Amino acid sequence: MQTIKVNTKVKANFRANCARANYYAAICSYNGKSVNAFAKHVAANPPSVPQRGKLKGKPEPVTGWVRWFERNGYITLA
């Protein structure tokens, strides 16, 4: 089971109310908790739903956001 650890040394400057900022706020609230718990929360309460494109009206995959934050140094998975 992987645990989310938010990297407080990396400053997150996202535009207010954009999908990235909404997902980052959600993932920060799960600091120290499991990725599975975060995925269940997001599936029930998506922080953002696309208004355009092929995912219009559907929540985005949680794994994509978790990996994006991990790749860019905002979180680590332990």
C-alpha atoms as a PDB file:
ATOM      1  CA  MET A   1       0.000   0.000   0.000  1.00  0.00           C
ATOM      2  CA  GLN A   2       1.472   3.342  -1.054  1.00  0.00           C
ATOM      3  CA  THR A   3       1.223   6.415   1.152  1.00  0.00           C
ATOM      4  CA  ILE A   4       1.101  10.006  -0.086  1.00  0.00           C
ATOM      5  CA  LYS A   5       3.724  12.386   1.299  1.00  0.00           C
ATOM      6  CA  VAL A   6       3.402  16.027   0.263  1.00  0.00           C
ATOM      7  CA  ASN A   7       6.733  17.729  -0.428  1.00  0.00           C
ATOM      8  CA  THR A   8       6.486  21.003   1.499  1.00  0.00           C
ATOM      9  CA  LYS A   9       9.789  22.232   0.016  1.00  0.00           C
ATOM     10  CA  VAL A  10       8.201  22.602  -3.435  1.00  0.00           C
ATOM     11  CA  LYS A  11       6.035  25.701  -3.820  1.00  0.00           C
ATOM     12  CA  ALA A  12       2.789  25.072  -5.686  1.00  0.00           C
ATOM     13  CA  ASN A  13       1.696  28.169  -7.615  1.00  0.00           C
ATOM     14  CA  PHE A  14      -1.334  27.097  -9.574  1.00  0.00           C
ATOM     15  CA  ARG A  15      -3.983  29.372 -11.006  1.00  0.00           C
ATOM     16  CA  ALA A  16      -6.939  29.617  -8.605  1.00  0.00           C
ATOM     17  CA  ASN A  17      -9.799  27.214  -9.273  1.00  0.00           C
ATOM     18  CA  CYS A  18      -8.042  25.336 -12.069  1.00  0.00           C
ATOM     19  CA  ALA A  19      -8.176  21.525 -12.119  1.00  0.00           C
ATOM     20  CA  ARG A  20      -4.548  21.255 -11.009  1.00  0.00           C
ATOM     21  CA  ALA A  21      -5.121  23.486  -7.972  1.00  0.00           C
ATOM     22  CA  ASN A  22      -8.283  21.600  -7.034  1.00  0.00           C
ATOM     23  CA  TYR A  23      -6.581  18.212  -7.254  1.00  0.00           C
ATOM     24  CA  TYR A  24      -3.539  19.515  -5.349  1.00  0.00           C
ATOM     25  CA  ALA A  25      -5.741  20.753  -2.502  1.00  0.00           C
ATOM     26  CA  ALA A  26      -7.449  17.353  -2.402  1.00  0.00           C
ATOM     27  CA  ILE A  27      -4.158  15.443  -2.428  1.00  0.00           C
ATOM     28  CA  CYS A  28      -2.728  17.670   0.323  1.00  0.00           C
ATOM     29  CA  SER A  29      -5.668  16.748   2.532  1.00  0.00           C
ATOM     30  CA  TYR A  30      -4.586  13.097   2.155  1.00  0.00           C
ATOM     31  CA  ASN A  31      -0.976  13.693   3.235  1.00  0.00           C
ATOM     32  CA  GLY A  32       0.193  10.599   5.136  1.00  0.00           C
ATOM     33  CA  LYS A  33      -2.788   8.536   3.988  1.00  0.00           C
ATOM     34  CA  SER A  34      -3.006   5.818   1.368  1.00  0.00           C
ATOM     35  CA  VAL A  35      -3.366   6.394  -2.350  1.00  0.00           C
ATOM     36  CA  ASN A  36      -6.337   4.006  -2.300  1.00  0.00           C
ATOM     37  CA  ALA A  37      -8.169   6.195   0.247  1.00  0.00           C
ATOM     38  CA  PHE A  38      -7.478   9.246  -1.918  1.00  0.00           C
ATOM     39  CA  ALA A  39      -8.706   7.430  -5.039  1.00  0.00           C
ATOM     40  CA  LYS A  40     -11.957   6.426  -3.306  1.00  0.00           C
ATOM     41  CA  HIS A  41     -12.512   9.991  -2.108  1.00  0.00           C
ATOM     42  CA  VAL A  42     -11.896  11.454  -5.558  1.00  0.00           C
ATOM     43  CA  ALA A  43     -14.141   8.864  -7.221  1.00  0.00           C
ATOM     44  CA  ALA A  44     -16.989   9.904  -4.923  1.00  0.00           C
ATOM     45  CA  ASN A  45     -16.211  13.662  -4.963  1.00  0.00           C
ATOM     46  CA  PRO A  46     -14.163  14.686  -8.015  1.00  0.00           C
ATOM     47  CA  PRO A  47     -12.334  17.993  -7.399  1.00  0.00           C
ATOM     48  CA  SER A  48     -12.744  18.942 -11.046  1.00  0.00           C
ATOM     49  CA  VAL A  49     -14.689  17.693 -14.054  1.00  0.00           C
ATOM     50  CA  PRO A  50     -13.551  18.680 -17.568  1.00  0.00           C
ATOM     51  CA  GLN A  51     -15.911  20.896 -19.551  1.00  0.00           C
ATOM     52  CA  ARG A  52     -14.291  20.156 -22.930  1.00  0.00           C
ATOM     53  CA  GLY A  53     -12.571  17.348 -24.765  1.00  0.00           C
ATOM     54  CA  LYS A  54     -13.040  13.611 -24.715  1.00  0.00           C
ATOM     55  CA  LEU A  55     -13.560  13.533 -20.924  1.00  0.00           C
ATOM     56  CA  LYS A  56     -16.252  16.219 -20.966  1.00  0.00           C
ATOM     57  CA  GLY A  57     -18.567  15.707 -18.001  1.00  0.00           C
ATOM     58  CA  LYS A  58     -16.551  12.765 -16.625  1.00  0.00           C
ATOM     59  CA  PRO A  59     -14.005  12.803 -13.788  1.00  0.00           C
ATOM     60  CA  GLU A  60     -10.377  12.485 -14.863  1.00  0.00           C
ATOM     61  CA  PRO A  61      -8.439   9.338 -13.873  1.00  0.00           C
ATOM     62  CA  VAL A  62      -6.939   9.723 -10.395  1.00  0.00           C
ATOM     63  CA  THR A  63      -3.780   7.855 -11.334  1.00  0.00           C
ATOM     64  CA  GLY A  64      -2.894  10.468 -13.932  1.00  0.00           C
ATOM     65  CA  TRP A  65      -2.983  13.270 -11.386  1.00  0.00           C
ATOM     66  CA  VAL A  66      -1.099  11.304  -8.733  1.00  0.00           C
ATOM     67  CA  ARG A  67       1.650  10.451 -11.227  1.00  0.00           C
ATOM     68  CA  TRP A  68       1.823  14.055 -12.494  1.00  0.00           C
ATOM     69  CA  PHE A  69       2.311  15.415  -8.967  1.00  0.00           C
ATOM     70  CA  GLU A  70       4.880  12.721  -8.244  1.00  0.00           C
ATOM     71  CA  ARG A  71       6.847  13.310 -11.484  1.00  0.00           C
ATOM     72  CA  ASN A  72       6.966  17.050 -10.828  1.00  0.00           C
ATOM     73  CA  GLY A  73       8.156  16.676  -7.220  1.00  0.00           C
ATOM     74  CA  TYR A  74       5.025  17.874  -5.412  1.00  0.00           C
ATOM     75  CA  ILE A  75       4.518  14.519  -3.677  1.00  0.00           C
ATOM     76  CA  THR A  76       6.335  11.271  -3.062  1.00  0.00           C
ATOM     77  CA  LEU A  77       4.791   7.839  -2.708  1.00  0.00           C
ATOM     78  CA  ALA A  78       6.173   5.682   0.075  1.00  0.00           C
END
